[in-house]
Amino acid sequence: LGDVHDVIAQGAKNREGTFDAILLDVDNGPDGFVQK
């Protein structure tokens, strides 16, 4: 329960990477319609 941005930022601290796939459907697209 939190912002996926923070989860990604935490995963980025792993020098070898953390995820095999990141699927983003947090808005109606990259224009930040729901949350600026």
Full PDB file with SEQRES, HELIX, SHEET, SSBOND, CRYST1, ORIGX, SCALE, CONECT and MASTER records, all heavy atoms in Angstrom:
SEQRES   1 A   36  LEU GLY ASP VAL HIS ASP VAL ILE ALA GLN GLY ALA LYS          
SEQRES   2 A   36  ASN ARG GLU GLY THR PHE ASP ALA ILE LEU LEU ASP VAL          
SEQRES   3 A   36  ASP ASN GLY PRO ASP GLY PHE VAL GLN LYS                      
HELIX    1 AA1 VAL A    4  GLY A   11  1                                   8    
CRYST1    1.000    1.000    1.000  90.00  90.00  90.00 P 1           1          
ORIGX1      1.000000  0.000000  0.000000        0.00000                         
ORIGX2      0.000000  1.000000  0.000000        0.00000                         
ORIGX3      0.000000  0.000000  1.000000        0.00000                         
SCALE1      1.000000  0.000000  0.000000        0.00000                         
SCALE2      0.000000  1.000000  0.000000        0.00000                         
SCALE3      0.000000  0.000000  1.000000        0.00000                         
ATOM      1  N   LEU A   1       0.861  -1.175   0.000  1.00  0.00           N  
ATOM      2  CA  LEU A   1       0.000   0.000   0.000  1.00  0.00           C  
ATOM      3  C   LEU A   1       0.899   1.227   0.000  1.00  0.00           C  
ATOM      4  O   LEU A   1       1.464   1.615   1.027  1.00  0.00           O  
ATOM      5  CB  LEU A   1      -0.918  -0.011   1.221  1.00  0.00           C  
ATOM      6  CG  LEU A   1      -2.005   1.061   1.258  1.00  0.00           C  
ATOM      7  CD1 LEU A   1      -2.908   0.971   0.040  1.00  0.00           C  
ATOM      8  CD2 LEU A   1      -2.819   0.932   2.544  1.00  0.00           C  
ATOM      9  N   GLY A   2       1.086   1.797  -1.167  1.00  0.00           N  
ATOM     10  CA  GLY A   2       1.977   2.935  -1.309  1.00  0.00           C  
ATOM     11  C   GLY A   2       2.188   3.270  -2.765  1.00  0.00           C  
ATOM     12  O   GLY A   2       1.574   2.673  -3.660  1.00  0.00           O  
ATOM     13  N   ASP A   3       3.070   4.211  -3.013  1.00  0.00           N  
ATOM     14  CA  ASP A   3       3.323   4.725  -4.354  1.00  0.00           C  
ATOM     15  C   ASP A   3       4.272   3.793  -5.100  1.00  0.00           C  
ATOM     16  O   ASP A   3       5.355   3.479  -4.602  1.00  0.00           O  
ATOM     17  CB  ASP A   3       3.941   6.122  -4.246  1.00  0.00           C  
ATOM     18  CG  ASP A   3       3.888   6.885  -5.551  1.00  0.00           C  
ATOM     19  OD1 ASP A   3       4.020   6.253  -6.613  1.00  0.00           O  
ATOM     20  OD2 ASP A   3       3.734   8.117  -5.501  1.00  0.00           O  
ATOM     21  N   VAL A   4       3.872   3.365  -6.291  1.00  0.00           N  
ATOM     22  CA  VAL A   4       4.728   2.478  -7.073  1.00  0.00           C  
ATOM     23  C   VAL A   4       6.051   3.166  -7.404  1.00  0.00           C  
ATOM     24  O   VAL A   4       7.083   2.504  -7.575  1.00  0.00           O  
ATOM     25  CB  VAL A   4       4.000   2.009  -8.352  1.00  0.00           C  
ATOM     26  CG1 VAL A   4       3.783   3.161  -9.326  1.00  0.00           C  
ATOM     27  CG2 VAL A   4       4.770   0.877  -9.031  1.00  0.00           C  
ATOM     28  N   HIS A   5       6.052   4.485  -7.489  1.00  0.00           N  
ATOM     29  CA  HIS A   5       7.297   5.220  -7.714  1.00  0.00           C  
ATOM     30  C   HIS A   5       8.321   4.881  -6.635  1.00  0.00           C  
ATOM     31  O   HIS A   5       9.512   4.680  -6.922  1.00  0.00           O  
ATOM     32  CB  HIS A   5       7.030   6.723  -7.724  1.00  0.00           C  
ATOM     33  CG  HIS A   5       8.272   7.563  -7.756  1.00  0.00           C  
ATOM     34  ND1 HIS A   5       8.949   7.923  -6.609  1.00  0.00           N  
ATOM     35  CD2 HIS A   5       8.964   8.106  -8.784  1.00  0.00           C  
ATOM     36  CE1 HIS A   5      10.005   8.648  -6.924  1.00  0.00           C  
ATOM     37  NE2 HIS A   5      10.028   8.773  -8.240  1.00  0.00           N  
ATOM     38  N   ASP A   6       7.874   4.806  -5.381  1.00  0.00           N  
ATOM     39  CA  ASP A   6       8.782   4.507  -4.278  1.00  0.00           C  
ATOM     40  C   ASP A   6       9.275   3.065  -4.339  1.00  0.00           C  
ATOM     41  O   ASP A   6      10.428   2.779  -4.000  1.00  0.00           O  
ATOM     42  CB  ASP A   6       8.087   4.773  -2.946  1.00  0.00           C  
ATOM     43  CG  ASP A   6       7.687   6.233  -2.783  1.00  0.00           C  
ATOM     44  OD1 ASP A   6       8.341   7.102  -3.398  1.00  0.00           O  
ATOM     45  OD2 ASP A   6       6.716   6.503  -2.042  1.00  0.00           O  
ATOM     46  N   VAL A   7       8.414   2.150  -4.770  1.00  0.00           N  
ATOM     47  CA  VAL A   7       8.823   0.752  -4.911  1.00  0.00           C  
ATOM     48  C   VAL A   7       9.880   0.619  -6.003  1.00  0.00           C  
ATOM     49  O   VAL A   7      10.871  -0.099  -5.859  1.00  0.00           O  
ATOM     50  CB  VAL A   7       7.607  -0.142  -5.211  1.00  0.00           C  
ATOM     51  CG1 VAL A   7       8.029  -1.597  -5.371  1.00  0.00           C  
ATOM     52  CG2 VAL A   7       6.562  -0.016  -4.103  1.00  0.00           C  
ATOM     53  N   ILE A   8       9.682   1.334  -7.107  1.00  0.00           N  
ATOM     54  CA  ILE A   8      10.666   1.315  -8.196  1.00  0.00           C  
ATOM     55  C   ILE A   8      11.984   1.909  -7.727  1.00  0.00           C  
ATOM     56  O   ILE A   8      13.071   1.360  -7.994  1.00  0.00           O  
ATOM     57  CB  ILE A   8      10.118   2.073  -9.423  1.00  0.00           C  
ATOM     58  CG1 ILE A   8       8.951   1.301 -10.039  1.00  0.00           C  
ATOM     59  CG2 ILE A   8      11.220   2.294 -10.458  1.00  0.00           C  
ATOM     60  CD1 ILE A   8       8.235   2.051 -11.143  1.00  0.00           C  
ATOM     61  N   ALA A   9      11.913   3.030  -7.009  1.00  0.00           N  
ATOM     62  CA  ALA A   9      13.133   3.677  -6.523  1.00  0.00           C  
ATOM     63  C   ALA A   9      13.913   2.758  -5.596  1.00  0.00           C  
ATOM     64  O   ALA A   9      15.148   2.710  -5.649  1.00  0.00           O  
ATOM     65  CB  ALA A   9      12.773   4.985  -5.811  1.00  0.00           C  
ATOM     66  N   GLN A  10      13.199   2.030  -4.764  1.00  0.00           N  
ATOM     67  CA  GLN A  10      13.868   1.076  -3.883  1.00  0.00           C  
ATOM     68  C   GLN A  10      14.509  -0.044  -4.692  1.00  0.00           C  
ATOM     69  O   GLN A  10      15.640  -0.461  -4.430  1.00  0.00           O  
ATOM     70  CB  GLN A  10      12.861   0.504  -2.873  1.00  0.00           C  
ATOM     71  CG  GLN A  10      13.479  -0.423  -1.834  1.00  0.00           C  
ATOM     72  CD  GLN A  10      14.468   0.268  -0.929  1.00  0.00           C  
ATOM     73  OE1 GLN A  10      14.282   1.443  -0.585  1.00  0.00           O  
ATOM     74  NE2 GLN A  10      15.509  -0.450  -0.526  1.00  0.00           N  
ATOM     75  N   GLY A  11      13.793  -0.532  -5.697  1.00  0.00           N  
ATOM     76  CA  GLY A  11      14.336  -1.598  -6.539  1.00  0.00           C  
ATOM     77  C   GLY A  11      15.538  -1.162  -7.337  1.00  0.00           C  
ATOM     78  O   GLY A  11      16.409  -1.976  -7.675  1.00  0.00           O  
ATOM     79  N   ALA A  12      15.611   0.137  -7.645  1.00  0.00           N  
ATOM     80  CA  ALA A  12      16.731   0.661  -8.431  1.00  0.00           C  
ATOM     81  C   ALA A  12      18.031   0.653  -7.643  1.00  0.00           C  
ATOM     82  O   ALA A  12      19.118   0.784  -8.232  1.00  0.00           O  
ATOM     83  CB  ALA A  12      16.414   2.070  -8.912  1.00  0.00           C  
ATOM     84  N   LYS A  13      17.951   0.502  -6.325  1.00  0.00           N  
ATOM     85  CA  LYS A  13      19.161   0.488  -5.507  1.00  0.00           C  
ATOM     86  C   LYS A  13      19.955  -0.806  -5.658  1.00  0.00           C  
ATOM     87  O   LYS A  13      21.133  -0.859  -5.301  1.00  0.00           O  
ATOM     88  CB  LYS A  13      18.791   0.719  -4.037  1.00  0.00           C  
ATOM     89  CG  LYS A  13      18.192   2.089  -3.767  1.00  0.00           C  
ATOM     90  CD  LYS A  13      17.828   2.248  -2.297  1.00  0.00           C  
ATOM     91  CE  LYS A  13      17.232   3.628  -2.027  1.00  0.00           C  
ATOM     92  NZ  LYS A  13      16.861   3.798  -0.592  1.00  0.00           N  
ATOM     93  N   ASN A  14      19.309  -1.832  -6.173  1.00  0.00           N  
ATOM     94  CA  ASN A  14      19.995  -3.102  -6.427  1.00  0.00           C  
ATOM     95  C   ASN A  14      20.801  -2.985  -7.716  1.00  0.00           C  
ATOM     96  O   ASN A  14      20.238  -2.769  -8.786  1.00  0.00           O  
ATOM     97  CB  ASN A  14      18.964  -4.231  -6.542  1.00  0.00           C  
ATOM     98  CG  ASN A  14      19.599  -5.595  -6.707  1.00  0.00           C  
ATOM     99  OD1 ASN A  14      20.801  -5.725  -6.974  1.00  0.00           O  
ATOM    100  ND2 ASN A  14      18.785  -6.634  -6.563  1.00  0.00           N  
ATOM    101  N   ARG A  15      22.100  -3.108  -7.645  1.00  0.00           N  
ATOM    102  CA  ARG A  15      22.960  -2.890  -8.810  1.00  0.00           C  
ATOM    103  C   ARG A  15      22.651  -3.864  -9.940  1.00  0.00           C  
ATOM    104  O   ARG A  15      22.905  -3.571 -11.105  1.00  0.00           O  
ATOM    105  CB  ARG A  15      24.433  -3.012  -8.407  1.00  0.00           C  
ATOM    106  CG  ARG A  15      24.904  -1.915  -7.470  1.00  0.00           C  
ATOM    107  CD  ARG A  15      26.364  -2.078  -7.126  1.00  0.00           C  
ATOM    108  NE  ARG A  15      27.207  -2.038  -8.313  1.00  0.00           N  
ATOM    109  CZ  ARG A  15      28.527  -2.252  -8.292  1.00  0.00           C  
ATOM    110  NH1 ARG A  15      29.133  -2.518  -7.135  1.00  0.00           N  
ATOM    111  NH2 ARG A  15      29.224  -2.193  -9.400  1.00  0.00           N  
ATOM    112  N   GLU A  16      22.100  -5.024  -9.615  1.00  0.00           N  
ATOM    113  CA  GLU A  16      21.784  -6.021 -10.634  1.00  0.00           C  
ATOM    114  C   GLU A  16      20.327  -5.944 -11.073  1.00  0.00           C  
ATOM    115  O   GLU A  16      19.876  -6.746 -11.884  1.00  0.00           O  
ATOM    116  CB  GLU A  16      22.099  -7.427 -10.107  1.00  0.00           C  
ATOM    117  CG  GLU A  16      23.580  -7.636  -9.800  1.00  0.00           C  
ATOM    118  CD  GLU A  16      23.868  -9.026  -9.277  1.00  0.00           C  
ATOM    119  OE1 GLU A  16      22.889  -9.784  -9.050  1.00  0.00           O  
ATOM    120  OE2 GLU A  16      25.046  -9.353  -9.085  1.00  0.00           O  
ATOM    121  N   GLY A  17      19.595  -4.982 -10.545  1.00  0.00           N  
ATOM    122  CA  GLY A  17      18.178  -4.884 -10.851  1.00  0.00           C  
ATOM    123  C   GLY A  17      17.360  -5.788  -9.952  1.00  0.00           C  
ATOM    124  O   GLY A  17      17.865  -6.756  -9.397  1.00  0.00           O  
ATOM    125  N   THR A  18      16.081  -5.464  -9.831  1.00  0.00           N  
ATOM    126  CA  THR A  18      15.197  -6.198  -8.923  1.00  0.00           C  
ATOM    127  C   THR A  18      14.082  -6.936  -9.642  1.00  0.00           C  
ATOM    128  O   THR A  18      13.716  -8.048  -9.259  1.00  0.00           O  
ATOM    129  CB  THR A  18      14.585  -5.217  -7.903  1.00  0.00           C  
ATOM    130  OG1 THR A  18      15.633  -4.588  -7.163  1.00  0.00           O  
ATOM    131  CG2 THR A  18      13.641  -5.935  -6.947  1.00  0.00           C  
ATOM    132  N   PHE A  19      13.553  -6.337 -10.700  1.00  0.00           N  
ATOM    133  CA  PHE A  19      12.367  -6.880 -11.355  1.00  0.00           C  
ATOM    134  C   PHE A  19      12.676  -7.339 -12.776  1.00  0.00           C  
ATOM    135  O   PHE A  19      13.495  -6.746 -13.471  1.00  0.00           O  
ATOM    136  CB  PHE A  19      11.257  -5.820 -11.399  1.00  0.00           C  
ATOM    137  CG  PHE A  19      10.874  -5.291 -10.054  1.00  0.00           C  
ATOM    138  CD1 PHE A  19      11.255  -4.009  -9.653  1.00  0.00           C  
ATOM    139  CD2 PHE A  19      10.141  -6.064  -9.170  1.00  0.00           C  
ATOM    140  CE1 PHE A  19      10.913  -3.515  -8.417  1.00  0.00           C  
ATOM    141  CE2 PHE A  19       9.792  -5.579  -7.916  1.00  0.00           C  
ATOM    142  CZ  PHE A  19      10.182  -4.303  -7.534  1.00  0.00           C  
ATOM    143  N   ASP A  20      11.962  -8.392 -13.181  1.00  0.00           N  
ATOM    144  CA  ASP A  20      12.015  -8.827 -14.578  1.00  0.00           C  
ATOM    145  C   ASP A  20      11.002  -8.082 -15.428  1.00  0.00           C  
ATOM    146  O   ASP A  20      11.185  -7.943 -16.639  1.00  0.00           O  
ATOM    147  CB  ASP A  20      11.753 -10.338 -14.663  1.00  0.00           C  
ATOM    148  CG  ASP A  20      12.840 -11.136 -13.978  1.00  0.00           C  
ATOM    149  OD1 ASP A  20      13.949 -11.217 -14.532  1.00  0.00           O  
ATOM    150  OD2 ASP A  20      12.591 -11.643 -12.870  1.00  0.00           O  
ATOM    151  N   ALA A  21       9.944  -7.617 -14.808  1.00  0.00           N  
ATOM    152  CA  ALA A  21       8.923  -6.853 -15.529  1.00  0.00           C  
ATOM    153  C   ALA A  21       8.291  -5.843 -14.583  1.00  0.00           C  
ATOM    154  O   ALA A  21       8.053  -6.140 -13.403  1.00  0.00           O  
ATOM    155  CB  ALA A  21       7.851  -7.772 -16.102  1.00  0.00           C  
ATOM    156  N   ILE A  22       8.038  -4.648 -15.093  1.00  0.00           N  
ATOM    157  CA  ILE A  22       7.293  -3.612 -14.381  1.00  0.00           C  
ATOM    158  C   ILE A  22       6.115  -3.228 -15.268  1.00  0.00           C  
ATOM    159  O   ILE A  22       6.306  -2.783 -16.407  1.00  0.00           O  
ATOM    160  CB  ILE A  22       8.162  -2.374 -14.091  1.00  0.00           C  
ATOM    161  CG1 ILE A  22       9.368  -2.747 -13.216  1.00  0.00           C  
ATOM    162  CG2 ILE A  22       7.327  -1.278 -13.425  1.00  0.00           C  
ATOM    163  CD1 ILE A  22      10.354  -1.603 -13.024  1.00  0.00           C  
ATOM    164  N   LEU A  23       4.908  -3.416 -14.761  1.00  0.00           N  
ATOM    165  CA  LEU A  23       3.687  -3.145 -15.524  1.00  0.00           C  
ATOM    166  C   LEU A  23       2.991  -1.949 -14.895  1.00  0.00           C  
ATOM    167  O   LEU A  23       2.560  -2.015 -13.729  1.00  0.00           O  
ATOM    168  CB  LEU A  23       2.756  -4.358 -15.504  1.00  0.00           C  
ATOM    169  CG  LEU A  23       3.378  -5.728 -15.811  1.00  0.00           C  
ATOM    170  CD1 LEU A  23       2.314  -6.822 -15.725  1.00  0.00           C  
ATOM    171  CD2 LEU A  23       4.041  -5.727 -17.165  1.00  0.00           C  
ATOM    172  N   LEU A  24       2.875  -0.857 -15.637  1.00  0.00           N  
ATOM    173  CA  LEU A  24       2.301   0.367 -15.096  1.00  0.00           C  
ATOM    174  C   LEU A  24       0.958   0.677 -15.748  1.00  0.00           C  
ATOM    175  O   LEU A  24       0.870   0.886 -16.954  1.00  0.00           O  
ATOM    176  CB  LEU A  24       3.251   1.550 -15.317  1.00  0.00           C  
ATOM    177  CG  LEU A  24       4.580   1.503 -14.566  1.00  0.00           C  
ATOM    178  CD1 LEU A  24       5.379   2.776 -14.835  1.00  0.00           C  
ATOM    179  CD2 LEU A  24       4.369   1.321 -13.064  1.00  0.00           C  
ATOM    180  N   ASP A  25      -0.066   0.691 -14.913  1.00  0.00           N  
ATOM    181  CA  ASP A  25      -1.396   1.148 -15.323  1.00  0.00           C  
ATOM    182  C   ASP A  25      -1.949   1.965 -14.168  1.00  0.00           C  
ATOM    183  O   ASP A  25      -2.953   1.623 -13.555  1.00  0.00           O  
ATOM    184  CB  ASP A  25      -2.300  -0.044 -15.650  1.00  0.00           C  
ATOM    185  CG  ASP A  25      -3.685   0.375 -16.113  1.00  0.00           C  
ATOM    186  OD1 ASP A  25      -3.864   1.579 -16.376  1.00  0.00           O  
ATOM    187  OD2 ASP A  25      -4.574  -0.476 -16.188  1.00  0.00           O  
ATOM    188  N   VAL A  26      -1.256   3.051 -13.856  1.00  0.00           N  
ATOM    189  CA  VAL A  26      -1.615   3.850 -12.691  1.00  0.00           C  
ATOM    190  C   VAL A  26      -2.378   5.110 -13.076  1.00  0.00           C  
ATOM    191  O   VAL A  26      -2.735   5.908 -12.227  1.00  0.00           O  
ATOM    192  CB  VAL A  26      -0.361   4.237 -11.877  1.00  0.00           C  
ATOM    193  CG1 VAL A  26       0.329   2.993 -11.356  1.00  0.00           C  
ATOM    194  CG2 VAL A  26       0.614   5.053 -12.720  1.00  0.00           C  
ATOM    195  N   ASP A  27      -2.611   5.297 -14.356  1.00  0.00           N  
ATOM    196  CA  ASP A  27      -3.261   6.512 -14.819  1.00  0.00           C  
ATOM    197  C   ASP A  27      -3.864   6.206 -16.181  1.00  0.00           C  
ATOM    198  O   ASP A  27      -3.789   5.077 -16.662  1.00  0.00           O  
ATOM    199  CB  ASP A  27      -2.243   7.651 -14.913  1.00  0.00           C  
ATOM    200  CG  ASP A  27      -2.856   8.999 -14.561  1.00  0.00           C  
ATOM    201  OD1 ASP A  27      -3.955   9.278 -15.058  1.00  0.00           O  
ATOM    202  OD2 ASP A  27      -2.241   9.750 -13.789  1.00  0.00           O  
ATOM    203  N   ASN A  28      -4.427   7.208 -16.850  1.00  0.00           N  
ATOM    204  CA  ASN A  28      -4.922   6.999 -18.207  1.00  0.00           C  
ATOM    205  C   ASN A  28      -3.822   7.115 -19.246  1.00  0.00           C  
ATOM    206  O   ASN A  28      -4.085   7.121 -20.437  1.00  0.00           O  
ATOM    207  CB  ASN A  28      -6.055   7.993 -18.523  1.00  0.00           C  
ATOM    208  CG  ASN A  28      -7.419   7.361 -18.275  1.00  0.00           C  
ATOM    209  OD1 ASN A  28      -7.529   6.370 -17.569  1.00  0.00           O  
ATOM    210  ND2 ASN A  28      -8.444   7.935 -18.865  1.00  0.00           N  
ATOM    211  N   GLY A  29      -2.588   7.224 -18.779  1.00  0.00           N  
ATOM    212  CA  GLY A  29      -1.442   7.313 -19.679  1.00  0.00           C  
ATOM    213  C   GLY A  29      -0.359   8.168 -19.079  1.00  0.00           C  
ATOM    214  O   GLY A  29      -0.449   8.616 -17.932  1.00  0.00           O  
ATOM    215  N   PRO A  30       0.698   8.434 -19.828  1.00  0.00           N  
ATOM    216  CA  PRO A  30       1.845   9.168 -19.295  1.00  0.00           C  
ATOM    217  C   PRO A  30       1.594  10.634 -19.005  1.00  0.00           C  
ATOM    218  O   PRO A  30       2.493  11.324 -18.518  1.00  0.00           O  
ATOM    219  CB  PRO A  30       2.894   9.029 -20.414  1.00  0.00           C  
ATOM    220  CG  PRO A  30       2.426   7.924 -21.276  1.00  0.00           C  
ATOM    221  CD  PRO A  30       0.941   7.919 -21.173  1.00  0.00           C  
ATOM    222  N   ASP A  31       0.400  11.145 -19.285  1.00  0.00           N  
ATOM    223  CA  ASP A  31       0.142  12.566 -19.060  1.00  0.00           C  
ATOM    224  C   ASP A  31      -0.313  12.880 -17.641  1.00  0.00           C  
ATOM    225  O   ASP A  31      -0.586  14.028 -17.312  1.00  0.00           O  
ATOM    226  CB  ASP A  31      -0.887  13.099 -20.057  1.00  0.00           C  
ATOM    227  CG  ASP A  31      -2.216  12.353 -19.982  1.00  0.00           C  
ATOM    228  OD1 ASP A  31      -2.313  11.392 -19.195  1.00  0.00           O  
ATOM    229  OD2 ASP A  31      -3.145  12.732 -20.717  1.00  0.00           O  
ATOM    230  N   GLY A  32      -0.370  11.861 -16.767  1.00  0.00           N  
ATOM    231  CA  GLY A  32      -0.707  12.123 -15.373  1.00  0.00           C  
ATOM    232  C   GLY A  32      -2.093  12.703 -15.170  1.00  0.00           C  
ATOM    233  O   GLY A  32      -2.279  13.639 -14.399  1.00  0.00           O  
ATOM    234  N   PHE A  33      -3.098  12.136 -15.838  1.00  0.00           N  
ATOM    235  CA  PHE A  33      -4.464  12.661 -15.745  1.00  0.00           C  
ATOM    236  C   PHE A  33      -5.031  12.544 -14.329  1.00  0.00           C  
ATOM    237  O   PHE A  33      -5.655  13.464 -13.814  1.00  0.00           O  
ATOM    238  CB  PHE A  33      -5.352  11.904 -16.734  1.00  0.00           C  
ATOM    239  CG  PHE A  33      -6.830  12.108 -16.538  1.00  0.00           C  
ATOM    240  CD1 PHE A  33      -7.423  13.309 -16.873  1.00  0.00           C  
ATOM    241  CD2 PHE A  33      -7.623  11.097 -16.012  1.00  0.00           C  
ATOM    242  CE1 PHE A  33      -8.789  13.502 -16.689  1.00  0.00           C  
ATOM    243  CE2 PHE A  33      -8.980  11.283 -15.825  1.00  0.00           C  
ATOM    244  CZ  PHE A  33      -9.565  12.487 -16.163  1.00  0.00           C  
ATOM    245  N   VAL A  34      -4.831  11.401 -13.687  1.00  0.00           N  
ATOM    246  CA  VAL A  34      -5.425  11.165 -12.379  1.00  0.00           C  
ATOM    247  C   VAL A  34      -4.635  11.875 -11.278  1.00  0.00           C  
ATOM    248  O   VAL A  34      -5.191  12.561 -10.439  1.00  0.00           O  
ATOM    249  CB  VAL A  34      -5.503   9.648 -12.087  1.00  0.00           C  
ATOM    250  CG1 VAL A  34      -6.014   9.399 -10.676  1.00  0.00           C  
ATOM    251  CG2 VAL A  34      -6.413   8.967 -13.102  1.00  0.00           C  
ATOM    252  N   GLN A  35      -3.342  11.684 -11.267  1.00  0.00           N  
ATOM    253  CA  GLN A  35      -2.478  12.276 -10.264  1.00  0.00           C  
ATOM    254  C   GLN A  35      -1.339  12.978 -10.968  1.00  0.00           C  
ATOM    255  O   GLN A  35      -0.530  12.335 -11.654  1.00  0.00           O  
ATOM    256  CB  GLN A  35      -1.899  11.191  -9.342  1.00  0.00           C  
ATOM    257  CG  GLN A  35      -2.860  10.680  -8.289  1.00  0.00           C  
ATOM    258  CD  GLN A  35      -2.842  11.556  -7.063  1.00  0.00           C  
ATOM    259  OE1 GLN A  35      -3.753  12.331  -6.831  1.00  0.00           O  
ATOM    260  NE2 GLN A  35      -1.811  11.450  -6.265  1.00  0.00           N  
ATOM    261  N   LYS A  36      -1.226  14.292 -10.804  1.00  0.00           N  
ATOM    262  CA  LYS A  36      -0.133  15.004 -11.447  1.00  0.00           C  
ATOM    263  C   LYS A  36       1.227  14.500 -10.963  1.00  0.00           C  
ATOM    264  O   LYS A  36       2.214  14.571 -11.687  1.00  0.00           O  
ATOM    265  CB  LYS A  36      -0.258  16.510 -11.198  1.00  0.00           C  
ATOM    266  CG  LYS A  36      -1.445  17.135 -11.942  1.00  0.00           C  
ATOM    267  CD  LYS A  36      -1.361  16.863 -13.433  1.00  0.00           C  
ATOM    268  CE  LYS A  36      -2.544  17.461 -14.171  1.00  0.00           C  
ATOM    269  NZ  LYS A  36      -2.542  17.109 -15.608  1.00  0.00           N  
TER     270      LYS A  36                                                      
MASTER        0    0    0    1    0    0    0    6  269    1    0    3          
END                                                                             
